[in-house]
Amino acid sequence: MTGGTGSFGKKLTETLLTKYKPKKVIIYSRDELKQYEMAQT
């Protein structure tokens, strides 16, 4: 997913993880801090 650390991307990722239980999700973002913060949750 491109732009996964933005507000829409975060919500979409949350929905995908809870509803579909994917084995792997790859998120691309230009903001390293947001990537780090998202990985910590």
Foldseek 3Di string as FASTA:
>chain_A
DEPLLDPVNVVVVVCCCVPPVDPDDDYDDPDPVSVVVSVVD
